Amino acid sequence: MVDPLKYGCRSLLSGGRVFGDEQGCCCFERRTMDGTPESVPMYPYEIATRLSDLGRLDYSAQPVMESTRDDLDPLERDRLRKIIASYQSSDRNLLELSDADLEKSLRLVVSVNGELTPTLAGLLLIGNEEALQRLVPTNEAAFQVLVGTDIKVNQTYRGPLLKTIEQIAESFKPWNPGTELTVGLFSSVVPEFDERAFREALVNAFGHRDYSLLGRVRVLVDDAGLTIANPGGFVEGINVHNLLTAEPRGRNPCLMDALKRTGLAERTGRGIDRIFEGALNYGRPLPDYSRSNRRGVSVLLPRSVPDKAFVELLAEERERSGKSMSLDGLLILDKLKSERRCGFDVLSGSLDMSDQRLRTVLGQLTEAGLVESAGVGARRTYMLGAKVYR
């Protein structure tokens, strides 16, 4: 049980209040999230979630007192080493460490009364399945495929995360067909869902979910597209409108740090950028986070064929400039592609970037001939350049 007084009542309540009963016990209230001026009780099982949302508690770094190092699976430890060796972005120095030092470096174990005790992150990553079911009953994931209303696949996973991520990725491959796309002299097969974006979204779902809540990470492939959902909403200060600009921070820093150092997650903490780039680079609809709420985060990658003309445009610009288009540039081009013509205020209101940054990127795109402007002052509008339409 997490002691809220240890982490500070003010941060926990964030608009609620603390009061005492006749026996001197502390009770907690929180404001409702529906806009009404009302406080409701905060139950004990909600305290860990609230502290995690506020960044006052790293639930994944807590030692699991009922566990020992015997609950860690040697085969999963070997899998961890193989993953580190296979990713260029991983921390290769970890491979030179002994098993105990590797676990301590990744904070998979901590010293408690002179004994090395697994943390929640340690059990989640390399714990054996029996220990996970006994000590972390909230650890569960599902991979489902629906064609119309017919259930083609419905698989449940309760094992360690490294194994589960590999299993889901392998199960997903047959349901991610490709389209042959020819750009210039080169032809390639473009998958329906960008593989890098899929892996980032999947790893983020496991890394940022709330493990104090019952529920499961759900990966669903259906007629609409690919949906990845996890229990636990966005942490304080992050919402669907500022995903691309908010300072990266998560609910489980210890777990996410381990995933980054193994190479599975983006080291900069900007995995969300990769998810958006996976759609924008092929002219596809943007990832849809609109179904996310305070209880969970859900992202939909819609089905769509790649926009060949848009891909050719990006390829030509990459050849001209010698570098890939920035995410901000991709967002502006995508907006102008769908709206045809936009004023600065419309672009500023719909894109998650500051006005100064927007002016800078528009200037760069105009200089490259990708965007043209018309009018002056407040009436100035922007559209894709003649170079694009050619």
Protein backbone atom coordinates (compact mmCIF):
# COMPACT_ATOMS: atom_id res chain seq x y z
CA MET A 1 0.00 0.00 0.00
CA VAL A 2 1.43 3.38 -1.01
CA ASP A 3 1.54 5.96 1.80
CA PRO A 4 0.23 9.21 0.26
CA LEU A 5 1.55 11.33 3.12
CA LYS A 6 5.10 10.27 2.18
CA TYR A 7 4.71 11.88 -1.24
CA GLY A 8 2.81 15.03 -0.21
CA CYS A 9 -0.92 15.53 0.11
CA ARG A 10 -1.00 18.76 -1.89
CA SER A 11 0.35 17.12 -5.03
CA LEU A 12 -1.92 14.13 -4.54
CA LEU A 13 -5.10 16.13 -4.26
CA SER A 14 -4.56 18.80 -6.93
CA GLY A 15 -7.72 20.67 -6.08
CA GLY A 16 -9.21 18.20 -3.60
CA ARG A 17 -8.88 18.34 0.19
CA VAL A 18 -7.80 16.32 3.22
CA PHE A 19 -9.93 16.01 6.30
CA GLY A 20 -9.86 13.98 9.49
CA ASP A 21 -12.50 11.84 11.11
CA GLU A 22 -13.21 11.51 14.84
CA GLN A 23 -10.41 8.95 15.25
CA GLY A 24 -7.89 11.30 13.60
CA CYS A 25 -7.60 9.26 10.38
CA CYS A 26 -6.85 11.08 7.13
CA CYS A 27 -9.37 10.83 4.30
CA PHE A 28 -8.91 12.11 0.77
CA GLU A 29 -11.10 13.76 -1.80
CA ARG A 30 -10.55 14.69 -5.43
CA ARG A 31 -12.33 16.96 -7.87
CA THR A 32 -14.58 15.34 -10.43
CA MET A 33 -13.31 15.35 -14.01
CA ASP A 34 -16.61 16.28 -15.67
CA GLY A 35 -16.42 20.02 -14.99
CA THR A 36 -18.90 20.10 -12.11
CA PRO A 37 -17.82 21.82 -8.85
CA GLU A 38 -17.94 18.63 -6.82
CA SER A 39 -15.48 16.55 -4.80
CA VAL A 40 -15.75 12.79 -4.52
CA PRO A 41 -13.87 10.32 -2.26
CA MET A 42 -10.46 9.10 -3.40
CA TYR A 43 -10.32 5.41 -2.63
CA PRO A 44 -7.08 3.70 -1.51
CA TYR A 45 -6.66 1.86 -4.82
CA GLU A 46 -6.68 5.21 -6.66
CA ILE A 47 -3.80 6.74 -4.69
CA ALA A 48 -0.95 5.04 -6.58
CA THR A 49 -2.52 6.03 -9.90
CA ARG A 50 -2.92 9.66 -8.83
CA LEU A 51 0.65 9.90 -7.54
CA SER A 52 1.96 8.36 -10.77
CA ASP A 53 -0.10 10.80 -12.86
CA LEU A 54 1.51 13.68 -10.98
CA GLY A 55 5.02 12.30 -11.35
CA ARG A 56 5.36 11.84 -7.56
CA LEU A 57 5.66 8.03 -7.64
CA ASP A 58 7.47 5.65 -9.99
CA TYR A 59 5.38 2.54 -9.43
CA SER A 60 7.67 0.43 -11.64
CA ALA A 61 10.71 1.23 -9.45
CA GLN A 62 9.11 -0.10 -6.25
CA PRO A 63 10.60 -3.35 -4.87
CA VAL A 64 8.19 -6.28 -4.83
CA MET A 65 8.76 -7.42 -1.25
CA GLU A 66 7.32 -10.92 -1.69
CA SER A 67 9.75 -11.74 -4.52
CA THR A 68 13.38 -12.86 -4.71
CA ARG A 69 15.94 -13.11 -7.52
CA ASP A 70 14.78 -16.71 -7.97
CA ASP A 71 11.63 -15.22 -9.54
CA LEU A 72 13.75 -13.88 -12.44
CA ASP A 73 13.91 -16.21 -15.44
CA PRO A 74 17.43 -17.00 -16.78
CA LEU A 75 15.96 -17.51 -20.27
CA GLU A 76 14.42 -14.04 -20.18
CA ARG A 77 17.72 -12.61 -19.00
CA ASP A 78 19.33 -14.20 -22.07
CA ARG A 79 16.57 -12.72 -24.22
CA LEU A 80 17.35 -9.31 -22.72
CA ARG A 81 21.01 -9.65 -23.70
CA LYS A 82 20.11 -10.73 -27.24
CA ILE A 83 17.81 -7.72 -27.66
CA ILE A 84 20.54 -5.35 -26.45
CA ALA A 85 22.97 -6.92 -28.94
CA SER A 86 20.51 -6.66 -31.84
CA TYR A 87 19.63 -2.92 -31.64
CA GLN A 88 22.06 -0.23 -32.77
CA SER A 89 20.50 2.31 -30.37
CA SER A 90 20.96 0.11 -27.29
CA ASP A 91 23.50 0.63 -24.52
CA ARG A 92 26.12 -1.96 -25.58
CA ASN A 93 28.09 -1.46 -22.36
CA LEU A 94 25.42 -3.48 -20.59
CA LEU A 95 26.60 -6.63 -22.37
CA GLU A 96 29.92 -6.54 -20.49
CA LEU A 97 28.23 -6.70 -17.07
CA SER A 98 27.56 -9.77 -14.95
CA ASP A 99 23.95 -10.82 -14.51
CA ALA A 100 23.65 -9.14 -11.10
CA ASP A 101 25.33 -5.94 -12.28
CA LEU A 102 23.15 -5.87 -15.41
CA GLU A 103 20.03 -6.08 -13.26
CA LYS A 104 21.28 -3.37 -10.89
CA SER A 105 22.28 -1.07 -13.77
CA LEU A 106 18.78 -1.30 -15.29
CA ARG A 107 17.18 -1.05 -11.80
CA LEU A 108 15.57 -4.44 -12.22
CA VAL A 109 16.67 -5.20 -8.65
CA VAL A 110 17.36 -3.00 -5.62
CA SER A 111 18.96 -3.72 -2.27
CA VAL A 112 16.49 -4.24 0.58
CA ASN A 113 17.95 -5.13 3.97
CA GLY A 114 21.14 -6.26 2.25
CA GLU A 115 19.35 -8.55 -0.21
CA LEU A 116 18.75 -7.92 -3.93
CA THR A 117 14.98 -7.71 -4.44
CA PRO A 118 13.30 -7.46 -7.87
CA THR A 119 11.49 -4.25 -8.66
CA LEU A 120 8.19 -4.24 -10.51
CA ALA A 121 10.14 -3.33 -13.67
CA GLY A 122 12.42 -6.32 -13.11
CA LEU A 123 9.56 -8.75 -12.76
CA LEU A 124 7.76 -7.28 -15.75
CA LEU A 125 10.80 -7.55 -18.03
CA ILE A 126 12.49 -10.81 -17.00
CA GLY A 127 10.27 -12.40 -14.34
CA ASN A 128 9.05 -15.95 -14.81
CA GLU A 129 5.40 -16.40 -15.71
CA GLU A 130 4.43 -18.08 -12.43
CA ALA A 131 5.84 -15.20 -10.38
CA LEU A 132 4.13 -12.63 -12.60
CA GLN A 133 0.72 -14.27 -12.22
CA ARG A 134 1.23 -14.49 -8.45
CA LEU A 135 2.74 -11.05 -7.79
CA VAL A 136 1.64 -8.86 -10.75
CA PRO A 137 -1.89 -10.03 -11.63
CA THR A 138 -2.50 -6.83 -13.60
CA ASN A 139 0.07 -7.88 -16.22
CA GLU A 140 -1.94 -9.00 -19.26
CA ALA A 141 -2.06 -8.32 -22.99
CA ALA A 142 -4.24 -9.40 -25.91
CA PHE A 143 -3.85 -9.56 -29.69
CA GLN A 144 -7.11 -9.68 -31.64
CA VAL A 145 -8.05 -9.68 -35.31
CA LEU A 146 -11.61 -8.98 -36.47
CA VAL A 147 -12.81 -9.22 -40.07
CA GLY A 148 -16.24 -7.67 -40.01
CA THR A 149 -17.70 -9.28 -36.88
CA ASP A 150 -15.78 -12.54 -37.32
CA ILE A 151 -13.05 -13.18 -34.75
CA LYS A 152 -9.98 -14.49 -36.59
CA VAL A 153 -7.45 -14.22 -33.74
CA ASN A 154 -7.94 -13.79 -30.00
CA GLN A 155 -4.71 -14.47 -28.12
CA THR A 156 -3.97 -13.59 -24.49
CA TYR A 157 -0.49 -13.11 -23.02
CA ARG A 158 0.54 -13.05 -19.35
CA GLY A 159 4.28 -13.57 -19.62
CA PRO A 160 7.21 -11.13 -19.26
CA LEU A 161 7.11 -8.06 -21.47
CA LEU A 162 10.14 -8.77 -23.65
CA LYS A 163 8.69 -12.13 -24.64
CA THR A 164 5.17 -10.72 -25.05
CA ILE A 165 6.35 -7.87 -27.31
CA GLU A 166 8.14 -10.34 -29.57
CA GLN A 167 5.12 -12.67 -29.66
CA ILE A 168 2.66 -9.89 -30.54
CA ALA A 169 5.02 -8.51 -33.22
CA GLU A 170 5.30 -11.98 -34.75
CA SER A 171 1.52 -12.54 -34.66
CA PHE A 172 0.97 -9.12 -36.27
CA LYS A 173 3.14 -9.76 -39.37
CA PRO A 174 0.64 -11.87 -41.35
CA TRP A 175 -2.02 -9.18 -40.85
CA ASN A 176 0.15 -6.34 -42.18
CA PRO A 177 0.14 -6.76 -45.98
CA GLY A 178 2.27 -4.57 -48.23
CA THR A 179 1.67 -2.45 -51.33
CA GLU A 180 4.28 -2.24 -54.06
CA LEU A 181 5.28 1.37 -54.59
CA THR A 182 7.56 2.60 -57.37
CA VAL A 183 9.32 5.93 -56.90
CA GLY A 184 11.68 6.92 -59.71
CA LEU A 185 13.86 3.94 -60.57
CA PHE A 186 13.25 2.15 -57.30
CA SER A 187 10.42 -0.14 -56.25
CA SER A 188 9.65 -1.21 -52.69
CA VAL A 189 6.90 -2.91 -50.72
CA VAL A 190 5.25 -0.52 -48.25
CA PRO A 191 3.42 -2.26 -45.37
CA GLU A 192 -0.13 -1.17 -44.59
CA PHE A 193 0.99 -0.13 -41.09
CA ASP A 194 4.47 1.30 -40.67
CA GLU A 195 6.48 -1.32 -38.75
CA ARG A 196 8.53 1.20 -36.79
CA ALA A 197 5.41 3.12 -35.77
CA PHE A 198 3.73 -0.13 -34.72
CA ARG A 199 6.64 -1.14 -32.51
CA GLU A 200 6.89 2.32 -30.91
CA ALA A 201 3.15 2.36 -30.16
CA LEU A 202 3.31 -1.17 -28.76
CA VAL A 203 6.33 -0.50 -26.53
CA ASN A 204 4.79 2.79 -25.35
CA ALA A 205 1.59 0.98 -24.39
CA PHE A 206 3.50 -1.44 -22.14
CA GLY A 207 5.90 1.21 -20.85
CA HIS A 208 3.28 3.82 -19.92
CA ARG A 209 0.35 1.69 -18.77
CA ASP A 210 -0.86 1.83 -15.17
CA TYR A 211 0.14 -1.46 -13.53
CA SER A 212 -1.86 -0.67 -10.40
CA LEU A 213 -5.06 -1.14 -12.44
CA LEU A 214 -6.65 -4.33 -13.66
CA GLY A 215 -6.83 -4.37 -17.43
CA ARG A 216 -4.69 -5.29 -20.39
CA VAL A 217 -2.76 -3.86 -23.28
CA ARG A 218 -4.95 -4.55 -26.30
CA VAL A 219 -3.76 -4.74 -29.91
CA LEU A 220 -6.69 -4.92 -32.33
CA VAL A 221 -6.59 -5.24 -36.12
CA ASP A 222 -9.99 -4.67 -37.73
CA ASP A 223 -11.57 -3.09 -40.80
CA ALA A 224 -10.90 0.44 -39.47
CA GLY A 225 -7.20 -0.13 -38.90
CA LEU A 226 -4.81 -0.92 -36.05
CA THR A 227 -5.74 0.06 -32.49
CA ILE A 228 -3.36 -0.16 -29.53
CA ALA A 229 -4.83 0.66 -26.11
CA ASN A 230 -3.60 0.48 -22.53
CA PRO A 231 -5.04 1.10 -19.04
CA GLY A 232 -4.09 4.43 -17.46
CA GLY A 233 -4.66 7.84 -19.04
CA PHE A 234 -2.11 10.52 -19.91
CA VAL A 235 -0.02 11.82 -17.01
CA GLU A 236 -0.58 15.34 -15.69
CA GLY A 237 0.18 18.03 -18.29
CA ILE A 238 -0.14 15.78 -21.36
CA ASN A 239 -3.27 15.47 -23.49
CA VAL A 240 -4.31 14.69 -27.06
CA HIS A 241 -3.64 18.31 -28.11
CA ASN A 242 -0.01 18.64 -26.99
CA LEU A 243 1.35 15.13 -27.57
CA LEU A 244 4.01 16.33 -30.00
CA THR A 245 5.31 19.27 -27.98
CA ALA A 246 4.88 18.34 -24.31
CA GLU A 247 8.05 17.53 -22.40
CA PRO A 248 8.43 13.73 -22.58
CA ARG A 249 7.73 12.05 -19.25
CA GLY A 250 5.87 8.91 -18.38
CA ARG A 251 4.17 7.02 -15.62
CA ASN A 252 6.93 4.39 -15.22
CA PRO A 253 10.35 6.08 -15.64
CA CYS A 254 12.28 3.04 -14.38
CA LEU A 255 10.58 0.67 -16.81
CA MET A 256 10.84 3.08 -19.75
CA ASP A 257 14.52 3.75 -19.04
CA ALA A 258 15.20 0.02 -19.19
CA LEU A 259 13.27 -0.28 -22.47
CA LYS A 260 15.24 2.65 -23.93
CA ARG A 261 18.62 1.26 -22.91
CA THR A 262 17.79 -2.12 -24.43
CA GLY A 263 16.98 -0.36 -27.72
CA LEU A 264 13.28 -1.24 -27.80
CA ALA A 265 12.09 2.33 -27.11
CA GLU A 266 13.25 5.63 -28.60
CA ARG A 267 16.23 6.87 -26.55
CA THR A 268 15.16 10.54 -26.77
CA GLY A 269 11.73 9.80 -25.30
CA ARG A 270 10.11 11.07 -28.53
CA GLY A 271 8.65 7.77 -29.71
CA ILE A 272 5.42 9.63 -30.45
CA ASP A 273 7.26 11.42 -33.28
CA ARG A 274 8.03 8.07 -34.92
CA ILE A 275 4.38 7.08 -34.74
CA PHE A 276 3.29 10.24 -36.57
CA GLU A 277 6.15 10.05 -39.08
CA GLY A 278 5.13 6.51 -39.93
CA ALA A 279 1.85 7.87 -41.30
CA LEU A 280 3.02 11.21 -42.70
CA ASN A 281 5.91 9.82 -44.74
CA TYR A 282 3.39 7.94 -46.88
CA GLY A 283 0.65 10.57 -46.99
CA ARG A 284 -1.66 8.55 -44.76
CA PRO A 285 -4.15 9.85 -42.16
CA LEU A 286 -2.69 10.92 -38.84
CA PRO A 287 -2.79 8.59 -35.81
CA ASP A 288 -6.03 9.14 -33.91
CA TYR A 289 -5.82 9.49 -30.11
CA SER A 290 -9.34 10.93 -29.73
CA ARG A 291 -10.69 7.90 -27.84
CA SER A 292 -8.17 8.37 -25.02
CA ASN A 293 -9.49 9.49 -21.63
CA ARG A 294 -8.43 9.54 -17.96
CA ARG A 295 -8.91 5.76 -17.74
CA GLY A 296 -6.81 4.75 -20.72
CA VAL A 297 -4.87 5.74 -23.84
CA SER A 298 -5.94 4.46 -27.24
CA VAL A 299 -4.36 5.15 -30.65
CA LEU A 300 -5.86 4.17 -34.01
CA LEU A 301 -3.64 3.89 -37.08
CA PRO A 302 -6.26 4.05 -39.88
CA ARG A 303 -6.09 1.82 -42.93
CA SER A 304 -5.06 3.73 -46.04
CA VAL A 305 -3.11 3.14 -49.24
CA PRO A 306 0.08 5.23 -49.53
CA ASP A 307 -0.18 8.50 -51.46
CA LYS A 308 2.31 7.87 -54.29
CA ALA A 309 2.51 11.52 -55.38
CA PHE A 310 3.25 12.64 -51.82
CA VAL A 311 5.91 9.95 -51.39
CA GLU A 312 7.55 11.04 -54.66
CA LEU A 313 7.51 14.67 -53.49
CA LEU A 314 9.28 13.78 -50.23
CA ALA A 315 11.81 11.62 -52.11
CA GLU A 316 12.65 14.48 -54.49
CA GLU A 317 13.01 16.95 -51.62
CA ARG A 318 15.21 14.51 -49.69
CA GLU A 319 17.44 14.13 -52.75
CA ARG A 320 17.61 17.92 -53.21
CA SER A 321 18.34 18.85 -49.61
CA GLY A 322 20.23 15.75 -48.52
CA LYS A 323 18.06 15.26 -45.43
CA SER A 324 14.64 13.99 -44.45
CA MET A 325 11.70 16.33 -43.97
CA SER A 326 11.18 17.44 -40.37
CA LEU A 327 8.04 16.34 -38.53
CA ASP A 328 6.83 19.96 -38.39
CA GLY A 329 7.25 20.26 -42.16
CA LEU A 330 5.36 17.02 -42.71
CA LEU A 331 2.50 18.22 -40.51
CA ILE A 332 2.20 21.51 -42.44
CA LEU A 333 2.31 19.80 -45.86
CA ASP A 334 -0.28 17.25 -44.71
CA LYS A 335 -2.60 20.03 -43.48
CA LEU A 336 -2.30 21.98 -46.74
CA LYS A 337 -2.78 18.79 -48.75
CA SER A 338 -6.11 18.14 -47.05
CA GLU A 339 -7.35 21.76 -46.76
CA ARG A 340 -5.89 23.12 -50.06
CA ARG A 341 -5.57 26.66 -48.63
CA CYS A 342 -5.14 27.85 -45.04
CA GLY A 343 -4.58 31.12 -43.23
CA PHE A 344 -1.89 31.39 -40.58
CA ASP A 345 -4.48 31.41 -37.79
CA VAL A 346 -5.99 28.14 -39.03
CA LEU A 347 -2.58 26.48 -39.21
CA SER A 348 -1.65 27.81 -35.78
CA GLY A 349 -4.92 26.60 -34.25
CA SER A 350 -4.76 23.10 -35.68
CA LEU A 351 -1.03 22.30 -35.47
CA ASP A 352 0.73 21.64 -32.18
CA MET A 353 3.58 24.16 -32.52
CA SER A 354 4.33 27.72 -31.45
CA ASP A 355 3.62 30.64 -33.82
CA GLN A 356 7.33 31.44 -34.07
CA ARG A 357 8.19 27.86 -34.99
CA LEU A 358 5.31 27.76 -37.47
CA ARG A 359 6.59 30.94 -39.19
CA THR A 360 10.11 29.50 -39.37
CA VAL A 361 9.04 26.19 -40.90
CA LEU A 362 6.66 27.92 -43.35
CA GLY A 363 9.57 30.11 -44.44
CA GLN A 364 11.75 27.05 -45.04
CA LEU A 365 9.02 25.29 -47.04
CA THR A 366 8.37 28.45 -49.08
CA GLU A 367 12.07 28.81 -49.86
CA ALA A 368 12.13 25.18 -51.03
CA GLY A 369 9.16 25.84 -53.33
CA LEU A 370 6.90 23.39 -51.51
CA VAL A 371 4.56 26.11 -50.18
CA GLU A 372 3.35 29.38 -51.69
CA SER A 373 1.60 32.30 -50.00
CA ALA A 374 -0.94 34.83 -51.26
CA GLY A 375 -2.24 38.06 -49.77
CA VAL A 376 -0.71 40.28 -47.12
CA GLY A 377 -1.00 40.76 -43.39
CA ALA A 378 -3.89 38.99 -41.66
CA ARG A 379 -5.30 37.92 -45.03
CA ARG A 380 -2.20 35.97 -46.06
CA THR A 381 -2.99 32.38 -46.94
CA TYR A 382 -0.79 29.38 -47.70
CA MET A 383 -1.12 26.54 -50.21
CA LEU A 384 1.04 23.84 -51.70
CA GLY A 385 3.43 25.25 -54.28
CA ALA A 386 3.26 24.79 -58.04
CA LYS A 387 6.27 22.51 -57.71
CA VAL A 388 4.14 20.11 -55.70
CA TYR A 389 1.28 20.04 -58.20
CA ARG A 390 3.68 19.42 -61.07
